[in-house]
């Protein structure tokens, strides 16, 4: 499964699809690579396989996931600024779970972990984008 979003503004449908595909995905914070020269952020993650997808009451997406995880890589390009808050050592975990998946607004991408310690998330990332260029690709196992 591949999903690529490239545009000057984010489409609400594509942003919602990215959120559903990465909801409760597992991420290893040490493997996140931010390259300010190439203006990219790359994260390998393990996302849950999507079985079905429909819209419920008030248009909220309802997804059904398989129990197995699919290795994937997410690449974000045109990153103007990237702020990473990594408190995973304090929480005592090497792997985090993304709560609500990866959220994409018109010029901002954000993610945060489900794990926390005293109200502080174990991991959070916010990236400001000059234009939307996000790609998620499943890797062969």
C-alpha atoms as a PDB file:
ATOM      1  CA  UNK A   1       0.000   0.000   0.000  1.00  0.00           C
ATOM      2  CA  UNK A   2       1.352   3.404  -0.970  1.00  0.00           C
ATOM      3  CA  UNK A   3      -0.116   6.837  -0.267  1.00  0.00           C
ATOM      4  CA  UNK A   4       1.429  10.039  -1.555  1.00  0.00           C
ATOM      5  CA  UNK A   5       0.073  13.541  -0.963  1.00  0.00           C
ATOM      6  CA  UNK A   6       1.725  16.412  -2.840  1.00  0.00           C
ATOM      7  CA  UNK A   7       0.017  19.782  -3.030  1.00  0.00           C
ATOM      8  CA  UNK A   8       0.255  23.392  -1.916  1.00  0.00           C
ATOM      9  CA  UNK A   9      -2.552  22.747   0.565  1.00  0.00           C
ATOM     10  CA  UNK A  10      -3.610  19.563   2.332  1.00  0.00           C
ATOM     11  CA  UNK A  11      -6.801  17.845   1.245  1.00  0.00           C
ATOM     12  CA  UNK A  12      -9.028  16.952   4.209  1.00  0.00           C
ATOM     13  CA  UNK A  13      -9.676  13.491   2.780  1.00  0.00           C
ATOM     14  CA  UNK A  14      -5.984  12.694   2.333  1.00  0.00           C
ATOM     15  CA  UNK A  15      -5.192  14.002   5.810  1.00  0.00           C
ATOM     16  CA  UNK A  16      -7.934  11.798   7.264  1.00  0.00           C
ATOM     17  CA  UNK A  17      -6.641   8.768   5.321  1.00  0.00           C
ATOM     18  CA  UNK A  18      -3.103   9.337   6.630  1.00  0.00           C
ATOM     19  CA  UNK A  19      -4.464   9.586  10.168  1.00  0.00           C
ATOM     20  CA  UNK A  20      -6.433   6.334   9.797  1.00  0.00           C
ATOM     21  CA  UNK A  21      -3.478   4.471   8.247  1.00  0.00           C
ATOM     22  CA  UNK A  22      -1.132   5.475  11.068  1.00  0.00           C
ATOM     23  CA  UNK A  23      -3.536   5.304  14.003  1.00  0.00           C
ATOM     24  CA  UNK A  24      -1.891   3.272  16.786  1.00  0.00           C
ATOM     25  CA  UNK A  25       1.181   2.622  14.648  1.00  0.00           C
ATOM     26  CA  UNK A  26       4.391   1.757  16.503  1.00  0.00           C
ATOM     27  CA  UNK A  27       7.424   4.000  16.092  1.00  0.00           C
ATOM     28  CA  UNK A  28      10.996   3.752  17.351  1.00  0.00           C
ATOM     29  CA  UNK A  29      12.056   7.311  18.199  1.00  0.00           C
ATOM     30  CA  UNK A  30      15.770   6.545  17.728  1.00  0.00           C
ATOM     31  CA  UNK A  31      15.158   5.712  14.055  1.00  0.00           C
ATOM     32  CA  UNK A  32      13.488   9.023  13.152  1.00  0.00           C
ATOM     33  CA  UNK A  33      15.822  10.938  10.827  1.00  0.00           C
ATOM     34  CA  UNK A  34      15.530  14.702  10.384  1.00  0.00           C
ATOM     35  CA  UNK A  35      17.753  16.101   7.616  1.00  0.00           C
ATOM     36  CA  UNK A  36      17.587  19.926   7.673  1.00  0.00           C
ATOM     37  CA  UNK A  37      19.737  20.220   4.522  1.00  0.00           C
ATOM     38  CA  UNK A  38      17.488  17.944   2.433  1.00  0.00           C
ATOM     39  CA  UNK A  39      14.473  19.324   4.352  1.00  0.00           C
ATOM     40  CA  UNK A  40      13.078  15.859   5.081  1.00  0.00           C
ATOM     41  CA  UNK A  41      11.914  13.803   8.050  1.00  0.00           C
ATOM     42  CA  UNK A  42      11.869  10.018   7.636  1.00  0.00           C
ATOM     43  CA  UNK A  43      10.336   7.577  10.047  1.00  0.00           C
ATOM     44  CA  UNK A  44      10.159   3.814   9.779  1.00  0.00           C
ATOM     45  CA  UNK A  45       7.063   2.551  11.560  1.00  0.00           C
ATOM     46  CA  UNK A  46       4.926  -0.514  12.053  1.00  0.00           C
ATOM     47  CA  UNK A  47       1.319   0.263  11.141  1.00  0.00           C
ATOM     48  CA  UNK A  48      -1.674  -1.952  11.694  1.00  0.00           C
ATOM     49  CA  UNK A  49      -3.096  -3.536   8.541  1.00  0.00           C
ATOM     50  CA  UNK A  50      -6.380  -1.898   7.558  1.00  0.00           C
ATOM     51  CA  UNK A  51      -9.245  -4.337   6.937  1.00  0.00           C
ATOM     52  CA  UNK A  52     -12.183  -1.996   6.342  1.00  0.00           C
ATOM     53  CA  UNK A  53     -13.006   1.686   6.431  1.00  0.00           C
ATOM     54  CA  UNK A  54     -16.359   3.420   6.581  1.00  0.00           C
ATOM     55  CA  UNK A  55     -17.891   6.635   7.819  1.00  0.00           C
ATOM     56  CA  UNK A  56     -20.033   6.627  10.905  1.00  0.00           C
ATOM     57  CA  UNK A  57     -22.358   9.141  12.472  1.00  0.00           C
ATOM     58  CA  UNK A  58     -21.372  12.771  11.711  1.00  0.00           C
ATOM     59  CA  UNK A  59     -18.846  11.636   9.105  1.00  0.00           C
ATOM     60  CA  UNK A  60     -16.275  10.278  11.551  1.00  0.00           C
ATOM     61  CA  UNK A  61     -14.119   7.502  10.057  1.00  0.00           C
ATOM     62  CA  UNK A  62     -14.488   4.054  11.566  1.00  0.00           C
ATOM     63  CA  UNK A  63     -11.665   1.685  10.725  1.00  0.00           C
ATOM     64  CA  UNK A  64     -11.263  -2.019  11.409  1.00  0.00           C
ATOM     65  CA  UNK A  65      -7.678  -3.196  11.776  1.00  0.00           C
ATOM     66  CA  UNK A  66      -6.008  -6.600  11.635  1.00  0.00           C
ATOM     67  CA  UNK A  67      -3.940  -7.803  14.573  1.00  0.00           C
ATOM     68  CA  UNK A  68      -0.720  -7.984  12.554  1.00  0.00           C
ATOM     69  CA  UNK A  69       1.524  -5.022  11.833  1.00  0.00           C
ATOM     70  CA  UNK A  70       2.885  -3.978   8.436  1.00  0.00           C
ATOM     71  CA  UNK A  71       6.352  -2.389   8.207  1.00  0.00           C
ATOM     72  CA  UNK A  72       6.147   0.989   6.483  1.00  0.00           C
ATOM     73  CA  UNK A  73       8.194   4.117   5.939  1.00  0.00           C
ATOM     74  CA  UNK A  74       6.861   7.646   6.102  1.00  0.00           C
ATOM     75  CA  UNK A  75       8.776  10.417   4.336  1.00  0.00           C
ATOM     76  CA  UNK A  76       7.868  14.067   4.809  1.00  0.00           C
ATOM     77  CA  UNK A  77       9.489  16.543   2.416  1.00  0.00           C
ATOM     78  CA  UNK A  78       9.641  20.365   2.304  1.00  0.00           C
ATOM     79  CA  UNK A  79      10.119  20.604   6.072  1.00  0.00           C
ATOM     80  CA  UNK A  80      10.745  24.204   7.046  1.00  0.00           C
ATOM     81  CA  UNK A  81      11.055  23.592  10.781  1.00  0.00           C
ATOM     82  CA  UNK A  82      10.923  20.439  12.896  1.00  0.00           C
ATOM     83  CA  UNK A  83      10.515  20.268  16.683  1.00  0.00           C
ATOM     84  CA  UNK A  84      11.059  16.878  18.313  1.00  0.00           C
ATOM     85  CA  UNK A  85      10.299  16.269  21.981  1.00  0.00           C
ATOM     86  CA  UNK A  86      11.800  12.927  22.999  1.00  0.00           C
ATOM     87  CA  UNK A  87      11.173  11.862  26.595  1.00  0.00           C
ATOM     88  CA  UNK A  88      11.101   8.145  25.807  1.00  0.00           C
ATOM     89  CA  UNK A  89      14.121   7.432  28.037  1.00  0.00           C
ATOM     90  CA  UNK A  90      12.334   8.915  31.059  1.00  0.00           C
ATOM     91  CA  UNK A  91       9.257   6.790  30.340  1.00  0.00           C
ATOM     92  CA  UNK A  92      11.485   3.742  29.874  1.00  0.00           C
ATOM     93  CA  UNK A  93      10.388   2.669  26.411  1.00  0.00           C
ATOM     94  CA  UNK A  94      12.225   2.214  23.121  1.00  0.00           C
ATOM     95  CA  UNK A  95       9.030   1.982  21.102  1.00  0.00           C
ATOM     96  CA  UNK A  96       6.039   4.315  21.211  1.00  0.00           C
ATOM     97  CA  UNK A  97       2.465   4.059  19.968  1.00  0.00           C
ATOM     98  CA  UNK A  98       1.081   6.956  17.938  1.00  0.00           C
ATOM     99  CA  UNK A  99      -2.212   8.077  19.388  1.00  0.00           C
ATOM    100  CA  UNK A 100      -4.647   9.354  16.725  1.00  0.00           C
ATOM    101  CA  UNK A 101      -2.047   8.644  14.030  1.00  0.00           C
ATOM    102  CA  UNK A 102      -0.193  11.345  12.136  1.00  0.00           C
ATOM    103  CA  UNK A 103      -2.189  14.534  11.786  1.00  0.00           C
ATOM    104  CA  UNK A 104      -1.724  16.750   8.744  1.00  0.00           C
ATOM    105  CA  UNK A 105      -3.068  20.295   8.456  1.00  0.00           C
ATOM    106  CA  UNK A 106      -2.455  22.771   5.641  1.00  0.00           C
ATOM    107  CA  UNK A 107       1.179  23.465   6.580  1.00  0.00           C
ATOM    108  CA  UNK A 108       1.713  21.425   9.749  1.00  0.00           C
ATOM    109  CA  UNK A 109       2.311  17.769  10.501  1.00  0.00           C
ATOM    110  CA  UNK A 110       2.054  16.513  14.085  1.00  0.00           C
ATOM    111  CA  UNK A 111       2.247  13.274  16.011  1.00  0.00           C
ATOM    112  CA  UNK A 112       2.370  12.315  19.662  1.00  0.00           C
ATOM    113  CA  UNK A 113       2.737   9.143  21.672  1.00  0.00           C
ATOM    114  CA  UNK A 114       0.111   7.367  23.719  1.00  0.00           C
ATOM    115  CA  UNK A 115       2.741   6.692  26.390  1.00  0.00           C
ATOM    116  CA  UNK A 116       3.259   9.405  28.951  1.00  0.00           C
ATOM    117  CA  UNK A 117       4.768  10.054  32.348  1.00  0.00           C
ATOM    118  CA  UNK A 118       3.121  12.561  34.694  1.00  0.00           C
ATOM    119  CA  UNK A 119       1.174  14.122  31.837  1.00  0.00           C
ATOM    120  CA  UNK A 120       4.216  14.548  29.544  1.00  0.00           C
ATOM    121  CA  UNK A 121       4.119  12.606  26.271  1.00  0.00           C
ATOM    122  CA  UNK A 122       7.024  10.219  25.722  1.00  0.00           C
ATOM    123  CA  UNK A 123       7.459  11.514  22.164  1.00  0.00           C
ATOM    124  CA  UNK A 124       6.091  14.340  20.083  1.00  0.00           C
ATOM    125  CA  UNK A 125       6.990  15.805  16.704  1.00  0.00           C
ATOM    126  CA  UNK A 126       5.714  18.926  14.978  1.00  0.00           C
ATOM    127  CA  UNK A 127       6.903  19.867  11.495  1.00  0.00           C
ATOM    128  CA  UNK A 128       6.060  23.051   9.600  1.00  0.00           C
ATOM    129  CA  UNK A 129       5.890  22.463   5.847  1.00  0.00           C
ATOM    130  CA  UNK A 130       6.390  24.899   2.976  1.00  0.00           C
ATOM    131  CA  UNK A 131       4.063  22.687   0.925  1.00  0.00           C
ATOM    132  CA  UNK A 132       2.465  19.313   1.528  1.00  0.00           C
ATOM    133  CA  UNK A 133       4.629  16.411   0.371  1.00  0.00           C
ATOM    134  CA  UNK A 134       4.008  13.266   2.427  1.00  0.00           C
ATOM    135  CA  UNK A 135       4.546   9.694   1.317  1.00  0.00           C
ATOM    136  CA  UNK A 136       3.887   6.445   3.165  1.00  0.00           C
ATOM    137  CA  UNK A 137       5.102   3.194   1.590  1.00  0.00           C
ATOM    138  CA  UNK A 138       4.797  -0.349   2.902  1.00  0.00           C
ATOM    139  CA  UNK A 139       8.127  -2.157   2.997  1.00  0.00           C
ATOM    140  CA  UNK A 140       8.632  -5.799   2.105  1.00  0.00           C
ATOM    141  CA  UNK A 141       8.963  -8.080   5.095  1.00  0.00           C
END
